[in-house]
Amino acid sequence: MAVAQDESARYAACIQLTQNDPDTAFDRAIAWRDDGGGMPARHCAALALIGLRLYEEGATRLEELAVAPGNATADLRTQILAQASTAWLDAGQEERALVPLDRAVTMGEQAGIPRPTQIMVRLDRAALLTSLQQDDKALADVQFALTQPTIAVRQRIEALYIRASIFHGRGEHQAVVNDTTAALDWGGTKAGLYLIRAEAYAGLGYPDLARKDLLTFLTQEPDGKRSDTARLMLEKLEAFIAEEKARSSTHPAQTDQPPASGGQPAVR
């Protein structure tokens, strides 16, 4: 029992070291592997390579490790595949990153791994599929996540954000408002939620609400390409609002009310 605890502590310490000193972590992991460290040592070595920005080598080792003989649980193997996908993304290879995620989803279905891990890999894959413009497949993964009774709040928020982003790309403004509002109601903090909802409000003809969301977005994310886009949009909205106010003396202004969302979005 004490030996197992020592090995577990060594494993955790090695993983932690990959984040702070990957060079030393790699040397220690290799020495541990040569001393019979098995899968934990190999896992640490692969993560250390990623910490050293040797993404492709690290990702390849992780994928090999996930299917190697040993007593690792299916849950751990699935998480290792998810880490491999992240490494491929860091290497700038989005399509290659999809391979370990597909394998992780299949493994999860066949082995019956815990639902939180299944939801995690499904949402990882949904985000990647969205980037690869495979929206229908991404929506299927999001639907899986949202229909799980054990989904964590942070996972629900992420699922709603991914789905809202897909609807945003399709120009489905009301659906965007529904999902972004639900995500914010659940405690979402992503600045992007306000940006895409602002664009949806503008598309639905609610410039004041769009302006409010843009200002919130710029408070949270004042710099970057998205902020430049938001400022241009804000300038146009404010010019439009000023023109509408100038006409209000002859045409009664309509109250800018948010579109009805029908409560929380239905799972699609």
C-alpha atoms as a PDB file:
ATOM      1  CA  MET A   1       0.000   0.000   0.000  1.00  0.00           C
ATOM      2  CA  ALA A   2       2.812   2.405   0.938  1.00  0.00           C
ATOM      3  CA  VAL A   3       4.644   1.624  -2.300  1.00  0.00           C
ATOM      4  CA  ALA A   4       1.515   2.387  -4.332  1.00  0.00           C
ATOM      5  CA  GLN A   5       1.061   5.677  -2.514  1.00  0.00           C
ATOM      6  CA  ASP A   6       4.697   6.600  -3.135  1.00  0.00           C
ATOM      7  CA  GLU A   7       4.329   5.837  -6.857  1.00  0.00           C
ATOM      8  CA  SER A   8       1.119   7.867  -7.027  1.00  0.00           C
ATOM      9  CA  ALA A   9       2.803  10.813  -5.341  1.00  0.00           C
ATOM     10  CA  ARG A  10       5.779  10.495  -7.677  1.00  0.00           C
ATOM     11  CA  TYR A  11       3.432  10.484 -10.659  1.00  0.00           C
ATOM     12  CA  ALA A  12       1.614  13.615  -9.487  1.00  0.00           C
ATOM     13  CA  ALA A  13       4.897  15.406  -8.747  1.00  0.00           C
ATOM     14  CA  CYS A  14       6.305  14.536 -12.154  1.00  0.00           C
ATOM     15  CA  ILE A  15       3.166  15.800 -13.951  1.00  0.00           C
ATOM     16  CA  GLN A  16       3.329  19.034 -11.975  1.00  0.00           C
ATOM     17  CA  LEU A  17       7.003  19.461 -12.845  1.00  0.00           C
ATOM     18  CA  THR A  18       6.205  19.288 -16.583  1.00  0.00           C
ATOM     19  CA  GLN A  19       4.459  22.643 -16.204  1.00  0.00           C
ATOM     20  CA  ASN A  20       7.206  24.385 -14.263  1.00  0.00           C
ATOM     21  CA  ASP A  21      10.430  22.733 -15.464  1.00  0.00           C
ATOM     22  CA  PRO A  22       9.736  20.408 -18.419  1.00  0.00           C
ATOM     23  CA  ASP A  23      13.427  19.828 -19.127  1.00  0.00           C
ATOM     24  CA  THR A  24      14.057  18.413 -15.654  1.00  0.00           C
ATOM     25  CA  ALA A  25      10.721  16.589 -15.746  1.00  0.00           C
ATOM     26  CA  PHE A  26      11.704  14.812 -18.944  1.00  0.00           C
ATOM     27  CA  ASP A  27      15.065  13.666 -17.526  1.00  0.00           C
ATOM     28  CA  ARG A  28      13.415  12.370 -14.364  1.00  0.00           C
ATOM     29  CA  ALA A  29      10.623  10.671 -16.308  1.00  0.00           C
ATOM     30  CA  ILE A  30      13.091   8.830 -18.544  1.00  0.00           C
ATOM     31  CA  ALA A  31      15.112   7.686 -15.538  1.00  0.00           C
ATOM     32  CA  TRP A  32      11.900   6.565 -13.874  1.00  0.00           C
ATOM     33  CA  ARG A  33      10.812   4.739 -17.025  1.00  0.00           C
ATOM     34  CA  ASP A  34      14.134   2.894 -17.196  1.00  0.00           C
ATOM     35  CA  ASP A  35      13.658   1.943 -13.558  1.00  0.00           C
ATOM     36  CA  GLY A  36      10.295   0.324 -14.316  1.00  0.00           C
ATOM     37  CA  GLY A  37       8.040   3.368 -14.036  1.00  0.00           C
ATOM     38  CA  GLY A  38       5.745   2.068 -16.750  1.00  0.00           C
ATOM     39  CA  MET A  39       2.831   4.108 -18.064  1.00  0.00           C
ATOM     40  CA  PRO A  40       3.041   6.916 -15.451  1.00  0.00           C
ATOM     41  CA  ALA A  41       6.680   7.592 -16.359  1.00  0.00           C
ATOM     42  CA  ARG A  42       5.937   7.504 -20.088  1.00  0.00           C
ATOM     43  CA  HIS A  43       2.976   9.813 -19.606  1.00  0.00           C
ATOM     44  CA  CYS A  44       5.112  12.296 -17.725  1.00  0.00           C
ATOM     45  CA  ALA A  45       7.819  12.153 -20.405  1.00  0.00           C
ATOM     46  CA  ALA A  46       5.294  12.866 -23.174  1.00  0.00           C
ATOM     47  CA  LEU A  47       3.847  15.848 -21.295  1.00  0.00           C
ATOM     48  CA  ALA A  48       7.355  17.144 -20.642  1.00  0.00           C
ATOM     49  CA  LEU A  49       8.026  17.107 -24.389  1.00  0.00           C
ATOM     50  CA  ILE A  50       4.897  19.161 -24.913  1.00  0.00           C
ATOM     51  CA  GLY A  51       6.117  21.551 -22.232  1.00  0.00           C
ATOM     52  CA  LEU A  52       9.330  21.852 -24.259  1.00  0.00           C
ATOM     53  CA  ARG A  53       7.162  22.737 -27.292  1.00  0.00           C
ATOM     54  CA  LEU A  54       7.987  19.503 -29.056  1.00  0.00           C
ATOM     55  CA  TYR A  55       4.296  19.141 -29.731  1.00  0.00           C
ATOM     56  CA  GLU A  56       4.292  16.548 -32.481  1.00  0.00           C
ATOM     57  CA  GLU A  57       6.638  14.196 -30.632  1.00  0.00           C
ATOM     58  CA  GLY A  58       4.671  14.593 -27.431  1.00  0.00           C
ATOM     59  CA  ALA A  59       1.338  14.040 -29.183  1.00  0.00           C
ATOM     60  CA  THR A  60       2.609  10.935 -30.951  1.00  0.00           C
ATOM     61  CA  ARG A  61       3.854   9.454 -27.677  1.00  0.00           C
ATOM     62  CA  LEU A  62       0.545  10.179 -25.979  1.00  0.00           C
ATOM     63  CA  GLU A  63      -1.430   8.456 -28.723  1.00  0.00           C
ATOM     64  CA  GLU A  64       0.832   5.410 -28.523  1.00  0.00           C
ATOM     65  CA  LEU A  65       0.553   5.375 -24.742  1.00  0.00           C
ATOM     66  CA  ALA A  66      -3.246   5.501 -24.823  1.00  0.00           C
ATOM     67  CA  VAL A  67      -3.431   2.139 -26.602  1.00  0.00           C
ATOM     68  CA  ALA A  68      -0.380   0.482 -25.041  1.00  0.00           C
ATOM     69  CA  PRO A  69      -0.774  -2.675 -22.914  1.00  0.00           C
ATOM     70  CA  GLY A  70      -1.051  -2.000 -19.204  1.00  0.00           C
ATOM     71  CA  ASN A  71      -3.446  -1.610 -16.341  1.00  0.00           C
ATOM     72  CA  ALA A  72      -4.440   2.014 -17.004  1.00  0.00           C
ATOM     73  CA  THR A  73      -8.165   2.638 -16.856  1.00  0.00           C
ATOM     74  CA  ALA A  74     -10.196   3.510 -19.939  1.00  0.00           C
ATOM     75  CA  ASP A  75     -10.934   6.853 -18.289  1.00  0.00           C
ATOM     76  CA  LEU A  76      -7.234   7.713 -18.063  1.00  0.00           C
ATOM     77  CA  ARG A  77      -6.578   6.500 -21.602  1.00  0.00           C
ATOM     78  CA  THR A  78      -9.398   8.729 -22.861  1.00  0.00           C
ATOM     79  CA  GLN A  79      -7.933  11.733 -21.078  1.00  0.00           C
ATOM     80  CA  ILE A  80      -4.504  10.961 -22.549  1.00  0.00           C
ATOM     81  CA  LEU A  81      -6.039  10.967 -26.032  1.00  0.00           C
ATOM     82  CA  ALA A  82      -7.614  14.350 -25.277  1.00  0.00           C
ATOM     83  CA  GLN A  83      -4.176  15.634 -24.254  1.00  0.00           C
ATOM     84  CA  ALA A  84      -2.756  14.330 -27.528  1.00  0.00           C
ATOM     85  CA  SER A  85      -5.393  16.274 -29.426  1.00  0.00           C
ATOM     86  CA  THR A  86      -4.480  19.459 -27.582  1.00  0.00           C
ATOM     87  CA  ALA A  87      -0.819  18.916 -28.475  1.00  0.00           C
ATOM     88  CA  TRP A  88      -1.674  18.517 -32.160  1.00  0.00           C
ATOM     89  CA  LEU A  89      -3.623  21.765 -31.934  1.00  0.00           C
ATOM     90  CA  ASP A  90      -0.599  23.455 -30.383  1.00  0.00           C
ATOM     91  CA  ALA A  91       1.365  22.165 -33.370  1.00  0.00           C
ATOM     92  CA  GLY A  92      -1.118  23.881 -35.666  1.00  0.00           C
ATOM     93  CA  GLN A  93      -2.558  20.641 -37.053  1.00  0.00           C
ATOM     94  CA  GLU A  94      -6.309  20.840 -36.550  1.00  0.00           C
ATOM     95  CA  GLU A  95      -7.302  17.923 -38.768  1.00  0.00           C
ATOM     96  CA  ARG A  96      -4.695  15.690 -37.143  1.00  0.00           C
ATOM     97  CA  ALA A  97      -6.017  16.740 -33.734  1.00  0.00           C
ATOM     98  CA  LEU A  98      -9.379  15.230 -34.614  1.00  0.00           C
ATOM     99  CA  VAL A  99      -7.982  11.679 -34.831  1.00  0.00           C
ATOM    100  CA  PRO A 100      -7.303  11.129 -31.099  1.00  0.00           C
ATOM    101  CA  LEU A 101     -10.596  12.797 -30.175  1.00  0.00           C
ATOM    102  CA  ASP A 102     -12.534  10.448 -32.450  1.00  0.00           C
ATOM    103  CA  ARG A 103     -10.708   7.548 -30.809  1.00  0.00           C
ATOM    104  CA  ALA A 104     -11.441   8.947 -27.344  1.00  0.00           C
ATOM    105  CA  VAL A 105     -15.165   9.225 -28.078  1.00  0.00           C
ATOM    106  CA  THR A 106     -15.269   5.666 -29.393  1.00  0.00           C
ATOM    107  CA  MET A 107     -13.335   4.397 -26.385  1.00  0.00           C
ATOM    108  CA  GLY A 108     -15.700   6.174 -24.057  1.00  0.00           C
ATOM    109  CA  GLU A 109     -18.741   4.628 -25.697  1.00  0.00           C
ATOM    110  CA  GLN A 110     -17.306   1.122 -25.719  1.00  0.00           C
ATOM    111  CA  ALA A 111     -15.749   1.126 -22.250  1.00  0.00           C
ATOM    112  CA  GLY A 112     -18.490   3.052 -20.483  1.00  0.00           C
ATOM    113  CA  ILE A 113     -16.123   5.590 -18.932  1.00  0.00           C
ATOM    114  CA  PRO A 114     -17.532   8.147 -16.446  1.00  0.00           C
ATOM    115  CA  ARG A 115     -19.915  10.644 -17.995  1.00  0.00           C
ATOM    116  CA  PRO A 116     -17.849  13.742 -17.053  1.00  0.00           C
ATOM    117  CA  THR A 117     -14.960  12.482 -19.177  1.00  0.00           C
ATOM    118  CA  GLN A 118     -17.282  11.577 -22.051  1.00  0.00           C
ATOM    119  CA  ILE A 119     -18.799  15.051 -21.933  1.00  0.00           C
ATOM    120  CA  MET A 120     -15.314  16.595 -21.845  1.00  0.00           C
ATOM    121  CA  VAL A 121     -14.095  14.839 -24.974  1.00  0.00           C
ATOM    122  CA  ARG A 122     -17.383  15.465 -26.786  1.00  0.00           C
ATOM    123  CA  LEU A 123     -17.133  19.196 -26.131  1.00  0.00           C
ATOM    124  CA  ASP A 124     -13.465  19.223 -27.118  1.00  0.00           C
ATOM    125  CA  ARG A 125     -14.430  17.554 -30.362  1.00  0.00           C
ATOM    126  CA  ALA A 126     -17.400  19.870 -30.901  1.00  0.00           C
ATOM    127  CA  ALA A 127     -15.162  22.927 -30.599  1.00  0.00           C
ATOM    128  CA  LEU A 128     -12.673  21.432 -33.048  1.00  0.00           C
ATOM    129  CA  LEU A 129     -15.376  20.361 -35.501  1.00  0.00           C
ATOM    130  CA  THR A 130     -16.750  23.900 -35.428  1.00  0.00           C
ATOM    131  CA  SER A 131     -13.320  25.241 -36.317  1.00  0.00           C
ATOM    132  CA  LEU A 132     -13.172  22.716 -39.165  1.00  0.00           C
ATOM    133  CA  GLN A 133     -16.624  23.888 -40.333  1.00  0.00           C
ATOM    134  CA  GLN A 134     -18.262  20.536 -39.626  1.00  0.00           C
ATOM    135  CA  ASP A 135     -21.178  22.114 -37.826  1.00  0.00           C
ATOM    136  CA  ASP A 136     -23.687  19.272 -38.014  1.00  0.00           C
ATOM    137  CA  LYS A 137     -21.282  16.846 -36.349  1.00  0.00           C
ATOM    138  CA  ALA A 138     -20.416  19.487 -33.768  1.00  0.00           C
ATOM    139  CA  LEU A 139     -24.080  20.011 -32.943  1.00  0.00           C
ATOM    140  CA  ALA A 140     -24.499  16.281 -32.363  1.00  0.00           C
ATOM    141  CA  ASP A 141     -21.703  16.352 -29.781  1.00  0.00           C
ATOM    142  CA  VAL A 142     -23.202  19.430 -28.117  1.00  0.00           C
ATOM    143  CA  GLN A 143     -26.600  17.727 -27.981  1.00  0.00           C
ATOM    144  CA  PHE A 144     -25.031  14.706 -26.321  1.00  0.00           C
ATOM    145  CA  ALA A 145     -23.464  16.934 -23.675  1.00  0.00           C
ATOM    146  CA  LEU A 146     -26.580  18.979 -22.961  1.00  0.00           C
ATOM    147  CA  THR A 147     -28.785  15.924 -22.557  1.00  0.00           C
ATOM    148  CA  GLN A 148     -26.598  14.387 -19.839  1.00  0.00           C
ATOM    149  CA  PRO A 149     -28.164  14.848 -16.386  1.00  0.00           C
ATOM    150  CA  THR A 150     -24.718  14.953 -14.772  1.00  0.00           C
ATOM    151  CA  ILE A 151     -23.320  17.731 -16.951  1.00  0.00           C
ATOM    152  CA  ALA A 152     -21.357  20.245 -14.871  1.00  0.00           C
ATOM    153  CA  VAL A 153     -22.317  23.918 -14.989  1.00  0.00           C
ATOM    154  CA  ARG A 154     -19.040  24.899 -16.666  1.00  0.00           C
ATOM    155  CA  GLN A 155     -19.600  22.212 -19.301  1.00  0.00           C
ATOM    156  CA  ARG A 156     -23.150  23.402 -19.906  1.00  0.00           C
ATOM    157  CA  ILE A 157     -21.894  26.950 -20.419  1.00  0.00           C
ATOM    158  CA  GLU A 158     -19.238  25.718 -22.852  1.00  0.00           C
ATOM    159  CA  ALA A 159     -21.802  23.659 -24.774  1.00  0.00           C
ATOM    160  CA  LEU A 160     -24.155  26.632 -25.069  1.00  0.00           C
ATOM    161  CA  TYR A 161     -21.306  28.859 -26.248  1.00  0.00           C
ATOM    162  CA  ILE A 162     -20.249  26.386 -28.920  1.00  0.00           C
ATOM    163  CA  ARG A 163     -23.821  26.014 -30.153  1.00  0.00           C
ATOM    164  CA  ALA A 164     -24.361  29.782 -30.132  1.00  0.00           C
ATOM    165  CA  SER A 165     -21.189  30.186 -32.203  1.00  0.00           C
ATOM    166  CA  ILE A 166     -22.543  27.724 -34.768  1.00  0.00           C
ATOM    167  CA  PHE A 167     -25.883  29.538 -34.924  1.00  0.00           C
ATOM    168  CA  HIS A 168     -23.991  32.813 -35.239  1.00  0.00           C
ATOM    169  CA  GLY A 169     -22.178  31.510 -38.290  1.00  0.00           C
ATOM    170  CA  ARG A 170     -25.512  30.479 -39.797  1.00  0.00           C
ATOM    171  CA  GLY A 171     -27.128  33.846 -39.137  1.00  0.00           C
ATOM    172  CA  GLU A 172     -29.754  32.359 -36.786  1.00  0.00           C
ATOM    173  CA  HIS A 173     -29.970  35.452 -34.598  1.00  0.00           C
ATOM    174  CA  GLN A 174     -32.780  34.385 -32.264  1.00  0.00           C
ATOM    175  CA  ALA A 175     -31.082  31.053 -31.531  1.00  0.00           C
ATOM    176  CA  VAL A 176     -27.870  32.942 -30.743  1.00  0.00           C
ATOM    177  CA  VAL A 177     -29.706  35.186 -28.283  1.00  0.00           C
ATOM    178  CA  ASN A 178     -31.337  32.170 -26.645  1.00  0.00           C
ATOM    179  CA  ASP A 179     -28.105  30.255 -26.081  1.00  0.00           C
ATOM    180  CA  THR A 180     -25.871  33.179 -25.118  1.00  0.00           C
ATOM    181  CA  THR A 181     -28.450  34.457 -22.653  1.00  0.00           C
ATOM    182  CA  ALA A 182     -28.805  30.993 -21.137  1.00  0.00           C
ATOM    183  CA  ALA A 183     -25.015  30.679 -20.857  1.00  0.00           C
ATOM    184  CA  LEU A 184     -24.781  34.040 -19.108  1.00  0.00           C
ATOM    185  CA  ASP A 185     -27.632  33.109 -16.798  1.00  0.00           C
ATOM    186  CA  TRP A 186     -25.680  29.991 -15.831  1.00  0.00           C
ATOM    187  CA  GLY A 187     -22.746  32.211 -14.891  1.00  0.00           C
ATOM    188  CA  GLY A 188     -20.799  32.298 -18.153  1.00  0.00           C
ATOM    189  CA  THR A 189     -17.963  34.809 -18.231  1.00  0.00           C
ATOM    190  CA  LYS A 190     -16.608  34.483 -21.782  1.00  0.00           C
ATOM    191  CA  ALA A 191     -16.375  37.897 -23.397  1.00  0.00           C
ATOM    192  CA  GLY A 192     -17.308  36.285 -26.700  1.00  0.00           C
ATOM    193  CA  LEU A 193     -20.809  35.609 -25.395  1.00  0.00           C
ATOM    194  CA  TYR A 194     -21.484  39.339 -25.370  1.00  0.00           C
ATOM    195  CA  LEU A 195     -19.920  39.891 -28.773  1.00  0.00           C
ATOM    196  CA  ILE A 196     -21.952  37.323 -30.668  1.00  0.00           C
ATOM    197  CA  ARG A 197     -25.123  38.283 -28.800  1.00  0.00           C
ATOM    198  CA  ALA A 198     -24.499  41.913 -29.749  1.00  0.00           C
ATOM    199  CA  GLU A 199     -24.292  40.937 -33.403  1.00  0.00           C
ATOM    200  CA  ALA A 200     -27.472  38.883 -33.035  1.00  0.00           C
ATOM    201  CA  TYR A 201     -29.315  41.765 -31.376  1.00  0.00           C
ATOM    202  CA  ALA A 202     -28.213  44.057 -34.192  1.00  0.00           C
ATOM    203  CA  GLY A 203     -29.429  41.553 -36.747  1.00  0.00           C
ATOM    204  CA  LEU A 204     -32.802  41.355 -34.986  1.00  0.00           C
ATOM    205  CA  GLY A 205     -33.133  45.153 -34.959  1.00  0.00           C
ATOM    206  CA  TYR A 206     -32.298  45.930 -31.327  1.00  0.00           C
ATOM    207  CA  PRO A 207     -29.417  48.435 -31.585  1.00  0.00           C
ATOM    208  CA  ASP A 208     -29.569  49.632 -27.962  1.00  0.00           C
ATOM    209  CA  LEU A 209     -29.223  46.095 -26.642  1.00  0.00           C
ATOM    210  CA  ALA A 210     -26.442  45.416 -29.127  1.00  0.00           C
ATOM    211  CA  ARG A 211     -24.639  48.569 -27.997  1.00  0.00           C
ATOM    212  CA  LYS A 212     -24.911  47.527 -24.344  1.00  0.00           C
ATOM    213  CA  ASP A 213     -23.370  44.121 -25.060  1.00  0.00           C
ATOM    214  CA  LEU A 214     -20.583  45.635 -27.137  1.00  0.00           C
ATOM    215  CA  LEU A 215     -19.639  47.965 -24.303  1.00  0.00           C
ATOM    216  CA  THR A 216     -19.569  45.025 -21.900  1.00  0.00           C
ATOM    217  CA  PHE A 217     -17.422  43.046 -24.310  1.00  0.00           C
ATOM    218  CA  LEU A 218     -14.934  45.896 -24.741  1.00  0.00           C
ATOM    219  CA  THR A 219     -14.684  46.272 -20.964  1.00  0.00           C
ATOM    220  CA  GLN A 220     -13.696  42.605 -20.697  1.00  0.00           C
ATOM    221  CA  GLU A 221     -11.561  42.429 -23.835  1.00  0.00           C
ATOM    222  CA  PRO A 222     -10.241  45.901 -24.711  1.00  0.00           C
ATOM    223  CA  ASP A 223      -7.480  44.774 -27.078  1.00  0.00           C
ATOM    224  CA  GLY A 224      -7.157  42.475 -30.067  1.00  0.00           C
ATOM    225  CA  LYS A 225      -8.758  41.862 -33.456  1.00  0.00           C
ATOM    226  CA  ARG A 226     -12.160  41.085 -31.981  1.00  0.00           C
ATOM    227  CA  SER A 227     -12.062  44.355 -30.051  1.00  0.00           C
ATOM    228  CA  ASP A 228     -11.253  46.292 -33.228  1.00  0.00           C
ATOM    229  CA  THR A 229     -14.242  44.662 -34.907  1.00  0.00           C
ATOM    230  CA  ALA A 230     -16.435  45.476 -31.913  1.00  0.00           C
ATOM    231  CA  ARG A 231     -15.407  49.142 -31.961  1.00  0.00           C
ATOM    232  CA  LEU A 232     -16.256  49.488 -35.662  1.00  0.00           C
ATOM    233  CA  MET A 233     -19.618  47.894 -35.019  1.00  0.00           C
ATOM    234  CA  LEU A 234     -20.181  50.175 -32.030  1.00  0.00           C
ATOM    235  CA  GLU A 235     -19.460  53.275 -34.121  1.00  0.00           C
ATOM    236  CA  LYS A 236     -22.016  52.201 -36.718  1.00  0.00           C
ATOM    237  CA  LEU A 237     -24.614  51.394 -34.071  1.00  0.00           C
ATOM    238  CA  GLU A 238     -24.163  54.704 -32.289  1.00  0.00           C
ATOM    239  CA  ALA A 239     -24.492  56.568 -35.580  1.00  0.00           C
ATOM    240  CA  PHE A 240     -27.678  54.638 -36.323  1.00  0.00           C
ATOM    241  CA  ILE A 241     -29.095  55.283 -32.847  1.00  0.00           C
ATOM    242  CA  ALA A 242     -28.333  59.014 -33.183  1.00  0.00           C
ATOM    243  CA  GLU A 243     -30.144  59.140 -36.523  1.00  0.00           C
ATOM    244  CA  GLU A 244     -33.166  57.378 -35.022  1.00  0.00           C
ATOM    245  CA  LYS A 245     -33.282  59.840 -32.135  1.00  0.00           C
ATOM    246  CA  ALA A 246     -33.121  62.743 -34.580  1.00  0.00           C
ATOM    247  CA  ARG A 247     -36.228  61.384 -36.275  1.00  0.00           C
ATOM    248  CA  SER A 248     -38.086  60.844 -33.004  1.00  0.00           C
ATOM    249  CA  SER A 249     -39.613  64.338 -33.116  1.00  0.00           C
ATOM    250  CA  THR A 250     -41.777  63.312 -36.055  1.00  0.00           C
ATOM    251  CA  HIS A 251     -41.910  59.516 -35.576  1.00  0.00           C
ATOM    252  CA  PRO A 252     -42.641  58.006 -32.150  1.00  0.00           C
ATOM    253  CA  ALA A 253     -39.738  55.811 -31.054  1.00  0.00           C
ATOM    254  CA  GLN A 254     -40.330  52.166 -30.311  1.00  0.00           C
ATOM    255  CA  THR A 255     -39.111  50.748 -27.035  1.00  0.00           C
ATOM    256  CA  ASP A 256     -36.060  48.543 -27.551  1.00  0.00           C
ATOM    257  CA  GLN A 257     -37.116  45.315 -25.859  1.00  0.00           C
ATOM    258  CA  PRO A 258     -35.191  42.058 -26.000  1.00  0.00           C
ATOM    259  CA  PRO A 259     -36.680  39.321 -28.179  1.00  0.00           C
ATOM    260  CA  ALA A 260     -38.448  36.603 -26.265  1.00  0.00           C
ATOM    261  CA  SER A 261     -36.175  33.648 -25.797  1.00  0.00           C
ATOM    262  CA  GLY A 262     -38.826  31.259 -24.583  1.00  0.00           C
ATOM    263  CA  GLY A 263     -36.784  30.440 -21.482  1.00  0.00           C
ATOM    264  CA  GLN A 264     -33.737  28.225 -21.659  1.00  0.00           C
ATOM    265  CA  PRO A 265     -32.960  26.919 -25.142  1.00  0.00           C
ATOM    266  CA  ALA A 266     -34.364  23.577 -26.073  1.00  0.00           C
ATOM    267  CA  VAL A 267     -31.787  20.886 -26.828  1.00  0.00           C
ATOM    268  CA  ARG A 268     -31.583  20.402 -30.575  1.00  0.00           C
END
